[in-house]
N, C-alpha and C. Protein backbone atom coordinates (compact mmCIF):
# COMPACT_ATOMS: atom_id res chain seq x y z
N MET A 1 108.12 106.26 107.51
CA MET A 1 108.14 104.93 106.78
C MET A 1 107.31 105.12 105.57
N TYR A 2 106.10 105.62 105.73
CA TYR A 2 105.09 105.67 104.67
C TYR A 2 105.57 106.81 103.74
N LYS A 3 106.05 107.86 104.28
CA LYS A 3 106.52 108.99 103.36
C LYS A 3 107.65 108.62 102.51
N LYS A 4 108.59 107.79 102.97
CA LYS A 4 109.64 107.31 102.09
C LYS A 4 109.29 106.39 101.00
N GLU A 5 108.28 105.53 101.40
CA GLU A 5 107.77 104.56 100.50
C GLU A 5 106.83 105.28 99.51
N ARG A 6 106.06 106.26 99.80
CA ARG A 6 105.26 107.03 98.87
C ARG A 6 106.08 107.86 98.04
N ARG A 7 107.21 108.28 98.47
CA ARG A 7 108.03 109.16 97.60
C ARG A 7 108.67 108.39 96.69
N LYS A 8 109.14 106.97 96.98
CA LYS A 8 109.78 106.07 96.02
C LYS A 8 108.78 105.72 94.96
N CYS A 9 107.60 105.48 95.32
CA CYS A 9 106.41 105.24 94.35
C CYS A 9 106.29 106.36 93.50
N LEU A 10 106.15 107.74 93.90
CA LEU A 10 105.91 108.68 93.06
C LEU A 10 107.11 108.98 92.08
N LEU A 11 108.23 108.79 92.48
CA LEU A 11 109.42 108.86 91.68
C LEU A 11 109.47 107.64 90.56
N SER A 12 108.92 106.52 90.95
CA SER A 12 108.79 105.51 89.99
C SER A 12 107.72 105.68 88.91
N ILE A 13 106.65 106.39 89.36
CA ILE A 13 105.69 106.86 88.42
C ILE A 13 106.17 107.90 87.42
N ALA A 14 106.99 108.74 88.01
CA ALA A 14 107.49 109.79 87.16
C ALA A 14 108.50 109.11 86.07
N GLY A 15 109.21 108.14 86.54
CA GLY A 15 110.22 107.45 85.45
C GLY A 15 109.22 106.74 84.45
N CYS A 16 108.18 106.13 84.93
CA CYS A 16 107.24 105.44 83.88
C CYS A 16 106.69 106.36 82.96
N VAL A 17 106.35 107.59 83.41
CA VAL A 17 105.75 108.61 82.58
C VAL A 17 106.84 109.01 81.49
N LEU A 18 108.01 109.03 81.95
CA LEU A 18 109.16 109.31 80.91
C LEU A 18 109.30 108.24 80.02
N ALA A 19 109.21 107.04 80.38
CA ALA A 19 109.38 105.82 79.48
C ALA A 19 108.21 105.78 78.54
N PHE A 20 107.03 106.21 79.05
CA PHE A 20 105.88 106.22 78.15
C PHE A 20 106.02 107.30 76.99
N PHE A 21 106.52 108.41 77.40
CA PHE A 21 106.83 109.44 76.25
C PHE A 21 107.96 109.04 75.38
N LEU A 22 108.97 108.34 75.93
CA LEU A 22 109.96 107.84 75.04
C LEU A 22 109.28 106.86 74.13
N GLY A 23 108.48 105.93 74.59
CA GLY A 23 107.88 104.92 73.73
C GLY A 23 107.02 105.67 72.61
N GLN A 24 106.25 106.68 73.01
CA GLN A 24 105.46 107.46 72.00
C GLN A 24 106.54 108.10 70.90
N PHE A 25 107.61 108.59 71.35
CA PHE A 25 108.57 109.19 70.56
C PHE A 25 109.08 108.21 69.51
N LEU A 26 109.45 106.92 70.03
CA LEU A 26 110.05 105.94 69.12
C LEU A 26 108.89 105.50 68.16
N LEU A 27 107.60 105.42 68.68
CA LEU A 27 106.62 104.82 67.81
C LEU A 27 106.23 105.88 66.78
N ASN A 28 106.10 107.13 67.13
CA ASN A 28 105.38 108.05 66.21
C ASN A 28 106.40 108.82 65.49
N VAL A 29 107.66 109.03 65.87
CA VAL A 29 108.62 109.85 65.14
C VAL A 29 109.68 109.01 64.53
N VAL A 30 110.35 108.26 65.30
CA VAL A 30 111.54 107.58 64.77
C VAL A 30 111.19 106.46 63.82
N SER A 31 110.14 105.77 64.10
CA SER A 31 109.61 104.68 63.13
C SER A 31 109.15 105.23 61.70
N LYS A 32 108.89 106.55 61.70
CA LYS A 32 108.37 106.98 60.46
C LYS A 32 109.52 107.67 59.58
N TYR A 33 110.76 107.58 60.06
CA TYR A 33 111.95 108.08 59.19
C TYR A 33 112.06 107.07 58.07
N GLU A 34 112.73 107.47 57.08
CA GLU A 34 112.67 106.71 55.80
C GLU A 34 113.65 105.58 56.03
N ASP A 35 114.82 105.71 56.64
CA ASP A 35 115.76 104.59 56.82
C ASP A 35 116.45 104.72 58.17
N PRO A 36 115.68 104.34 59.29
CA PRO A 36 116.36 104.40 60.54
C PRO A 36 117.48 103.35 60.74
N PHE A 37 118.33 103.61 61.80
CA PHE A 37 119.40 102.78 62.07
C PHE A 37 119.11 101.31 62.15
N LEU A 38 118.23 100.95 63.09
CA LEU A 38 117.91 99.45 63.23
C LEU A 38 116.69 99.06 62.61
N GLY A 39 116.13 99.87 61.80
CA GLY A 39 114.94 99.36 60.97
C GLY A 39 113.64 99.88 61.70
N ASN A 40 112.60 100.06 60.86
CA ASN A 40 111.33 100.54 61.36
C ASN A 40 110.74 99.50 62.40
N THR A 41 110.72 98.32 62.05
CA THR A 41 110.09 97.33 62.82
C THR A 41 110.60 97.37 64.40
N PHE A 42 111.85 97.55 64.46
CA PHE A 42 112.42 97.48 65.81
C PHE A 42 111.87 98.63 66.64
N TYR A 43 111.81 99.80 65.94
CA TYR A 43 111.33 101.01 66.74
C TYR A 43 109.78 100.93 67.02
N ILE A 44 109.22 100.33 66.17
CA ILE A 44 107.77 100.10 66.42
C ILE A 44 107.53 99.17 67.58
N ILE A 45 108.23 97.98 67.55
CA ILE A 45 108.04 97.02 68.59
C ILE A 45 108.57 97.56 70.03
N THR A 46 109.64 98.29 69.84
CA THR A 46 110.20 98.81 71.13
C THR A 46 109.36 99.91 71.68
N GLY A 47 108.83 100.75 70.76
CA GLY A 47 107.91 101.87 71.32
C GLY A 47 106.64 101.24 71.88
N CYS A 48 106.00 100.32 71.27
CA CYS A 48 104.80 99.75 71.82
C CYS A 48 105.12 98.99 73.19
N ALA A 49 106.22 98.29 73.21
CA ALA A 49 106.54 97.60 74.57
C ALA A 49 106.82 98.52 75.62
N LEU A 50 107.42 99.70 75.37
CA LEU A 50 107.62 100.72 76.44
C LEU A 50 106.45 101.32 76.92
N ILE A 51 105.44 101.51 75.95
CA ILE A 51 104.12 102.14 76.31
C ILE A 51 103.33 101.12 77.18
N VAL A 52 103.36 99.90 76.76
CA VAL A 52 102.44 98.87 77.50
C VAL A 52 103.12 98.65 78.90
N LEU A 53 104.47 98.44 78.90
CA LEU A 53 105.11 98.10 80.24
C LEU A 53 104.97 99.32 81.18
N SER A 54 105.22 100.64 80.74
CA SER A 54 104.96 101.75 81.64
C SER A 54 103.69 101.81 82.14
N LEU A 55 102.51 101.65 81.27
CA LEU A 55 101.20 101.66 81.78
C LEU A 55 100.83 100.56 82.90
N ILE A 56 101.42 99.55 82.63
CA ILE A 56 101.24 98.28 83.57
C ILE A 56 101.95 98.58 84.93
N VAL A 57 103.10 99.21 84.80
CA VAL A 57 103.74 99.56 86.09
C VAL A 57 103.13 100.63 86.77
N ILE A 58 102.64 101.75 85.95
CA ILE A 58 101.98 102.74 86.70
C ILE A 58 100.70 102.28 87.37
N TYR A 59 99.92 101.38 86.76
CA TYR A 59 98.73 100.86 87.37
C TYR A 59 99.09 100.14 88.66
N LEU A 60 100.18 99.28 88.66
CA LEU A 60 100.55 98.61 89.87
C LEU A 60 101.13 99.55 91.04
N LEU A 61 101.76 100.48 90.60
CA LEU A 61 102.22 101.57 91.61
C LEU A 61 100.98 102.33 92.27
N ILE A 62 100.05 102.65 91.43
CA ILE A 62 98.77 103.36 91.96
C ILE A 62 98.10 102.32 92.88
N LEU A 63 97.97 101.12 92.58
CA LEU A 63 97.43 100.08 93.59
C LEU A 63 98.17 100.14 94.84
N HIS A 64 99.57 100.21 94.74
CA HIS A 64 100.35 100.08 95.91
C HIS A 64 100.13 101.41 96.76
N LEU A 65 100.08 102.48 96.05
CA LEU A 65 99.84 103.69 96.84
C LEU A 65 98.51 103.69 97.54
N ARG A 66 97.46 103.19 96.91
CA ARG A 66 96.12 103.08 97.66
C ARG A 66 96.37 102.15 98.91
N TYR A 67 96.99 101.04 98.69
CA TYR A 67 97.23 100.21 99.84
C TYR A 67 97.96 100.78 101.02
N LEU A 68 98.92 101.60 100.63
CA LEU A 68 99.63 102.35 101.67
C LEU A 68 98.70 103.32 102.44
N ARG A 69 97.98 103.98 101.62
CA ARG A 69 97.04 104.97 102.20
C ARG A 69 95.98 104.28 103.20
N ARG A 70 95.53 103.19 102.70
CA ARG A 70 94.57 102.41 103.48
C ARG A 70 95.25 101.89 104.84
N ARG A 71 96.50 101.39 104.69
CA ARG A 71 97.18 101.00 105.92
C ARG A 71 97.42 102.07 106.81
N GLU A 72 97.77 103.23 106.28
CA GLU A 72 98.06 104.33 107.05
C GLU A 72 96.76 104.86 107.94
N GLN A 73 95.67 104.88 107.21
CA GLN A 73 94.43 105.23 107.84
C GLN A 73 93.97 104.25 108.95
N LYS A 74 94.31 103.00 108.62
CA LYS A 74 93.91 102.02 109.60
C LYS A 74 94.78 102.17 110.88
N ARG A 75 96.00 102.51 110.65
CA ARG A 75 96.89 102.77 111.86
C ARG A 75 96.42 104.04 112.66
N LYS A 76 96.04 105.05 111.89
CA LYS A 76 95.71 106.23 112.60
C LYS A 76 94.33 106.11 113.35
N ASN A 77 93.41 105.44 112.80
CA ASN A 77 92.07 105.25 113.40
C ASN A 77 92.13 104.26 114.45
N SER A 78 93.00 103.34 114.61
CA SER A 78 92.89 102.43 115.82
C SER A 78 93.57 103.01 116.97
N SER A 79 92.98 102.76 117.98
CA SER A 79 93.60 103.22 119.31
C SER A 79 93.74 102.09 120.26
N LEU A 80 94.50 102.27 121.28
CA LEU A 80 94.60 101.25 122.38
C LEU A 80 93.37 101.36 123.33
N VAL A 81 92.82 100.23 123.72
CA VAL A 81 91.70 100.27 124.55
C VAL A 81 92.14 99.58 125.89
N PHE A 82 92.03 100.13 126.99
CA PHE A 82 92.38 99.64 128.34
C PHE A 82 91.09 99.20 129.03
N LEU A 83 91.14 98.15 129.73
CA LEU A 83 90.03 97.69 130.56
C LEU A 83 89.83 98.61 131.81
N ALA A 84 88.66 98.77 132.25
CA ALA A 84 88.24 99.54 133.41
C ALA A 84 88.92 98.73 134.57
N LYS A 85 89.15 99.50 135.66
CA LYS A 85 89.72 98.92 136.88
C LYS A 85 88.88 97.82 137.40
N GLU A 86 87.57 97.84 137.40
CA GLU A 86 86.70 96.91 137.84
C GLU A 86 86.76 95.56 137.12
N LYS A 87 86.95 95.80 135.83
CA LYS A 87 87.04 94.58 134.94
C LYS A 87 88.33 93.93 135.18
N ARG A 88 89.44 94.72 135.36
CA ARG A 88 90.74 94.08 135.80
C ARG A 88 90.82 93.30 137.06
N LYS A 89 90.00 93.71 137.94
CA LYS A 89 89.88 93.07 139.26
C LYS A 89 89.30 91.73 139.17
N ASN A 90 88.25 91.63 138.24
CA ASN A 90 87.47 90.45 138.16
C ASN A 90 88.24 89.47 137.15
N ASP A 91 89.30 89.86 136.60
CA ASP A 91 90.02 89.03 135.51
C ASP A 91 90.52 87.85 136.25
N PRO A 92 90.26 86.54 135.87
CA PRO A 92 90.84 85.40 136.53
C PRO A 92 92.34 85.25 136.23
N LEU A 93 92.92 85.82 135.34
CA LEU A 93 94.39 85.65 135.07
C LEU A 93 95.08 86.78 135.82
N PRO A 94 96.07 86.20 136.58
CA PRO A 94 96.88 87.35 137.33
C PRO A 94 97.77 87.99 136.40
N ALA A 95 98.03 89.33 136.75
CA ALA A 95 99.08 90.11 136.01
C ALA A 95 100.40 89.71 136.26
N LYS A 96 101.30 89.70 135.25
CA LYS A 96 102.65 89.15 135.41
C LYS A 96 103.60 90.35 135.84
């Protein structure tokens, strides 16, 4: 369960990194052309938006990965504890 979720998060982070580089390309290369198709302002705003959104999503995904790791460690470290036979005999509640 955790492996599938972790893999999905890592693939999402890779997609966000690609979106980040696409935003950088739009902002630094395409917006500097003399007469781009949709105008310089469109590419500047789109590039900045892609960069900011990809960074926010990467931050949230890293937080989610940390939460998954903590939850997995909690599950590994916890073990079942059974009462000793003497304590079970003294238990006022009968076993069902």
